Amino acid sequence: MSKRIIIMGATSGLGRACAEDFIARGYIVGVCGRRTEELEQIRSTAPDRVHVATIDITDPKADEQLLALIERMGGIDTYFHVSGVGKNNLTLDPAIELNTVRVNCEGFCRMVGCAFRYFRDNAVRGAQIAVVSSIAGTKGLGAAPAYSATKRMQNCYIQSLAQQCAIAKIDIAFTDIRPGFVATPLLDLDARRYPMLMTTPYAARRIVRAIVARRRVAVIDWRYAILTAAWRCIPRWLWERLPIKAAER
């Protein structure tokens, strides 16, 4: 029986590249996002195995739309959450900060929580929830306060759900994907140069491998794993004086 996965945020960038990889692996794939035309383009590559749902995760009824897609697919094994926004905001523009919280916190909790309840209440064997957070959750980044804070929230949220499952003996695995700089549409490549920039296909391949291997935490790639390990060793008083750029995704 083919594995079934839903990818929330599959219209472009990492979400779309990962969807194409899972389709190539023979999965039955549900692709979701706000832009129907892009989702239909993905479906055209394997119409017998790709299901489409136009979903805005900030919509209060988005969880109902997710459940409807799950039913249409005959159930799923994996929920993969890629949807998110990120932007440098040195001026602390409130519109940017609040929209970041709305998408990365409110939308994230709505959809991940819905997937969690579906797996728990239906006792789905071998269920998995995977999310793309960011290395930006490692430390507070002055260039993008809301982005950094919301990514840290996502790390903690997944950890909390993992603890809940361990205590209640619920069969759900969790994978927290933490990429560094990736050349996606969300990254403004014309405005500044980014160190250790990864191509979207390169990062997507490593993300898919981490999900298939059911890794608990996966920093993408090894260079960023070393970098974030070093960040954790920097004392707070020194960190707050360093001109660290935000790891936008």
Protein backbone atom coordinates (compact mmCIF):
# COMPACT_ATOMS: atom_id res chain seq x y z
CA MET A 1 0.00 0.00 0.00
CA SER A 2 1.36 3.43 -0.97
CA LYS A 3 2.27 5.87 1.75
CA ARG A 4 0.04 8.95 2.01
CA ILE A 5 1.33 12.42 2.86
CA ILE A 6 -0.20 15.89 2.95
CA ILE A 7 2.11 18.84 2.35
CA MET A 8 0.81 22.17 3.61
CA GLY A 9 2.52 24.96 1.70
CA ALA A 10 3.31 23.14 -1.55
CA THR A 11 2.77 25.93 -4.07
CA SER A 12 6.44 26.99 -4.33
CA GLY A 13 9.91 26.75 -2.85
CA LEU A 14 10.73 23.91 -0.49
CA GLY A 15 7.14 22.68 -0.27
CA ARG A 16 6.81 22.22 -4.01
CA ALA A 17 10.25 20.64 -4.38
CA CYS A 18 9.51 18.18 -1.57
CA ALA A 19 6.11 17.37 -3.09
CA GLU A 20 7.78 16.52 -6.40
CA ASP A 21 10.25 14.27 -4.58
CA PHE A 22 7.52 12.40 -2.70
CA ILE A 23 5.54 11.98 -5.93
CA ALA A 24 8.65 10.52 -7.59
CA ARG A 25 8.94 8.07 -4.67
CA GLY A 26 5.43 6.74 -5.38
CA TYR A 27 3.58 8.41 -2.51
CA ILE A 28 -0.05 9.45 -2.68
CA VAL A 29 0.34 13.18 -2.08
CA GLY A 30 -2.06 15.86 -0.95
CA VAL A 31 -0.79 19.33 -1.89
CA CYS A 32 -2.18 22.42 -0.18
CA GLY A 33 -1.65 26.15 -0.37
CA ARG A 34 -3.32 29.40 -1.33
CA ARG A 35 -2.60 29.36 -5.08
CA THR A 36 -4.80 26.85 -6.88
CA GLU A 37 -3.09 27.19 -10.26
CA GLU A 38 0.29 26.13 -8.88
CA LEU A 39 -1.30 23.19 -7.06
CA GLU A 40 -3.01 22.04 -10.24
CA GLN A 41 0.36 22.15 -12.03
CA ILE A 42 1.68 19.67 -9.46
CA ARG A 43 -1.37 17.44 -9.87
CA SER A 44 -0.87 17.33 -13.64
CA THR A 45 2.41 15.46 -13.11
CA ALA A 46 0.63 12.48 -11.49
CA PRO A 47 -3.15 13.03 -11.57
CA ASP A 48 -3.88 9.54 -10.24
CA ARG A 49 -1.83 10.09 -7.07
CA VAL A 50 -2.03 13.82 -6.32
CA HIS A 51 -4.93 15.49 -4.50
CA VAL A 52 -5.36 19.26 -4.32
CA ALA A 53 -6.89 21.55 -1.69
CA THR A 54 -6.70 25.34 -1.71
CA ILE A 55 -6.16 26.23 1.94
CA ASP A 56 -5.15 29.42 3.73
CA ILE A 57 -3.87 28.39 7.16
CA THR A 58 -4.97 31.72 8.67
CA ASP A 59 -8.60 30.89 7.84
CA PRO A 60 -10.43 29.71 10.99
CA LYS A 61 -11.99 26.92 8.90
CA ALA A 62 -8.69 25.71 7.46
CA ASP A 63 -8.64 22.73 9.83
CA GLU A 64 -12.01 21.58 8.48
CA GLN A 65 -10.62 21.82 4.95
CA LEU A 66 -7.63 19.72 5.98
CA LEU A 67 -9.88 17.00 7.43
CA ALA A 68 -11.96 17.01 4.25
CA LEU A 69 -8.81 16.44 2.19
CA ILE A 70 -7.71 13.61 4.49
CA GLU A 71 -11.08 11.92 4.03
CA ARG A 72 -10.87 12.38 0.25
CA MET A 73 -7.44 10.72 0.27
CA GLY A 74 -8.65 7.78 2.32
CA GLY A 75 -6.46 8.73 5.26
CA ILE A 76 -2.82 9.77 5.61
CA ASP A 77 0.33 8.53 7.32
CA THR A 78 2.26 11.82 7.37
CA TYR A 79 1.41 15.48 7.76
CA PHE A 80 4.17 17.81 6.56
CA HIS A 81 3.85 21.51 7.42
CA VAL A 82 5.96 23.86 5.29
CA SER A 83 3.73 26.97 5.29
CA GLY A 84 5.35 30.00 6.84
CA VAL A 85 6.52 33.56 6.34
CA GLY A 86 9.72 35.35 7.25
CA LYS A 87 11.13 38.79 6.67
CA ASN A 88 13.88 40.96 8.09
CA ASN A 89 12.26 43.79 10.04
CA LEU A 90 14.81 46.12 11.59
CA THR A 91 12.22 48.91 11.68
CA LEU A 92 9.87 46.67 13.67
CA ASP A 93 6.98 47.37 11.32
CA PRO A 94 3.97 46.07 13.30
CA ALA A 95 2.20 44.79 10.19
CA ILE A 96 5.15 42.51 9.40
CA GLU A 97 5.52 41.33 13.00
CA LEU A 98 1.84 40.58 13.52
CA ASN A 99 1.41 38.83 10.18
CA THR A 100 4.43 36.66 10.99
CA VAL A 101 2.84 35.66 14.30
CA ARG A 102 -0.52 35.05 12.62
CA VAL A 103 0.95 32.67 10.04
CA ASN A 104 3.81 31.04 11.95
CA CYS A 105 2.01 30.68 15.28
CA GLU A 106 -1.76 30.81 14.83
CA GLY A 107 -1.82 29.03 11.47
CA PHE A 108 0.86 26.58 12.56
CA CYS A 109 -1.02 25.57 15.72
CA ARG A 110 -4.31 25.29 13.85
CA MET A 111 -2.98 22.88 11.24
CA VAL A 112 -0.47 20.87 13.26
CA GLY A 113 -3.00 20.54 16.07
CA CYS A 114 -5.62 19.30 13.60
CA ALA A 115 -3.23 16.67 12.21
CA PHE A 116 -2.28 15.61 15.73
CA ARG A 117 -5.89 15.11 16.79
CA TYR A 118 -6.65 13.18 13.60
CA PHE A 119 -3.75 10.76 14.18
CA ARG A 120 -4.52 10.41 17.90
CA ASP A 121 -8.28 10.00 17.64
CA ASN A 122 -8.05 7.50 14.77
CA ALA A 123 -5.13 5.58 16.30
CA VAL A 124 -3.20 5.79 13.03
CA ARG A 125 -0.27 3.38 13.20
CA GLY A 126 3.13 4.79 12.26
CA ALA A 127 1.82 8.35 12.00
CA GLN A 128 4.28 11.20 11.54
CA ILE A 129 4.11 14.99 11.81
CA ALA A 130 6.98 16.84 10.14
CA VAL A 131 7.45 20.61 10.14
CA VAL A 132 9.86 23.05 8.56
CA SER A 133 10.96 25.50 11.22
CA SER A 134 14.39 27.17 10.92
CA ILE A 135 17.82 27.55 12.47
CA ALA A 136 16.50 31.04 13.36
CA GLY A 137 14.81 29.44 16.36
CA THR A 138 18.19 28.69 17.92
CA LYS A 139 18.78 32.23 19.23
CA GLY A 140 17.00 35.56 19.07
CA LEU A 141 17.98 37.30 15.82
CA GLY A 142 17.75 41.08 15.96
CA ALA A 143 17.18 41.47 12.22
CA ALA A 144 13.92 39.50 12.35
CA PRO A 145 12.46 39.39 15.89
CA ALA A 146 9.04 37.90 15.13
CA TYR A 147 10.44 35.37 12.65
CA SER A 148 13.07 34.15 15.11
CA ALA A 149 10.60 34.02 18.01
CA THR A 150 7.92 32.16 16.03
CA LYS A 151 10.42 29.56 14.85
CA ARG A 152 11.51 28.96 18.45
CA MET A 153 7.84 28.58 19.33
CA GLN A 154 7.47 25.91 16.63
CA ASN A 155 10.46 23.99 18.01
CA CYS A 156 8.93 24.03 21.50
CA TYR A 157 5.45 23.16 20.26
CA ILE A 158 6.66 20.03 18.51
CA GLN A 159 8.72 19.07 21.56
CA SER A 160 5.64 19.48 23.75
CA LEU A 161 3.56 17.24 21.49
CA ALA A 162 6.34 14.64 21.45
CA GLN A 163 6.36 14.63 25.25
CA GLN A 164 2.58 14.30 25.32
CA CYS A 165 2.77 11.29 23.02
CA ALA A 166 5.49 9.65 25.09
CA ILE A 167 3.49 10.02 28.30
CA ALA A 168 0.20 8.85 26.79
CA LYS A 169 1.87 6.23 24.58
CA ILE A 170 0.45 7.71 21.38
CA ASP A 171 2.05 6.39 18.19
CA ILE A 172 3.06 9.63 16.45
CA ALA A 173 6.62 10.42 15.36
CA PHE A 174 7.82 14.01 15.01
CA THR A 175 10.40 15.53 12.69
CA ASP A 176 11.54 19.13 13.16
CA ILE A 177 13.34 20.34 10.01
CA ARG A 178 15.60 23.36 10.61
CA PRO A 179 17.05 24.75 7.37
CA GLY A 180 19.59 27.51 7.01
CA PHE A 181 19.59 29.91 4.05
CA VAL A 182 17.73 28.42 1.07
CA ALA A 183 17.27 30.16 -2.29
CA THR A 184 13.46 30.22 -2.31
CA PRO A 185 11.03 33.02 -3.31
CA LEU A 186 10.87 34.10 0.35
CA LEU A 187 14.55 35.05 0.31
CA ASP A 188 15.28 38.46 -1.14
CA LEU A 189 18.43 37.59 -3.05
CA ASP A 190 18.74 41.02 -4.63
CA ALA A 191 18.92 42.89 -1.36
CA ARG A 192 21.90 41.19 0.28
CA ARG A 193 24.29 38.27 -0.01
CA TYR A 194 23.75 35.20 2.15
CA PRO A 195 26.52 32.87 3.34
CA MET A 196 26.27 29.12 2.74
CA LEU A 197 23.22 29.59 0.51
CA MET A 198 21.62 26.28 -0.48
CA THR A 199 19.65 25.62 -3.65
CA THR A 200 16.05 24.55 -3.24
CA PRO A 201 16.54 21.08 -4.82
CA TYR A 202 19.58 20.42 -2.61
CA ALA A 203 17.75 21.34 0.59
CA ALA A 204 14.55 19.53 -0.45
CA ARG A 205 16.39 16.25 -1.04
CA ARG A 206 17.84 16.36 2.45
CA ILE A 207 14.51 17.30 3.98
CA VAL A 208 12.73 14.38 2.32
CA ARG A 209 15.46 11.98 3.46
CA ALA A 210 15.09 13.22 7.04
CA ILE A 211 11.33 12.67 6.94
CA VAL A 212 11.62 9.20 5.43
CA ALA A 213 14.24 8.31 8.07
CA ARG A 214 11.87 9.72 10.74
CA ARG A 215 14.61 11.82 12.29
CA ARG A 216 13.49 13.77 15.35
CA VAL A 217 15.48 16.95 14.52
CA ALA A 218 17.28 17.62 11.25
CA VAL A 219 19.38 20.73 10.67
CA ILE A 220 19.81 21.31 6.93
CA ASP A 221 22.70 20.94 6.19
CA TRP A 222 25.82 19.81 8.12
CA ARG A 223 27.39 23.27 7.91
CA TYR A 224 24.43 24.82 9.67
CA ALA A 225 24.48 22.03 12.25
CA ILE A 226 28.02 23.10 13.16
CA LEU A 227 27.06 26.79 13.06
CA THR A 228 24.05 26.44 15.36
CA ALA A 229 26.02 24.27 17.77
CA ALA A 230 28.53 27.11 18.00
CA TRP A 231 25.71 29.64 18.48
CA ARG A 232 24.47 27.74 21.53
CA CYS A 233 27.87 28.08 23.16
CA ILE A 234 27.90 31.87 22.91
CA PRO A 235 26.91 33.53 26.20
CA ARG A 236 23.90 35.82 26.16
CA TRP A 237 25.82 39.02 26.88
CA LEU A 238 28.06 38.40 23.86
CA TRP A 239 25.32 37.17 21.55
CA GLU A 240 23.30 40.34 22.05
CA ARG A 241 26.25 42.36 20.73
CA LEU A 242 26.82 40.29 17.56
CA PRO A 243 25.52 41.52 14.16
CA ILE A 244 23.89 38.19 13.21
CA LYS A 245 21.65 38.16 10.14
CA ALA A 246 18.29 36.42 10.16
CA ALA A 247 17.99 32.98 8.56
CA GLU A 248 14.97 33.81 6.42
CA ARG A 249 13.28 30.95 4.61
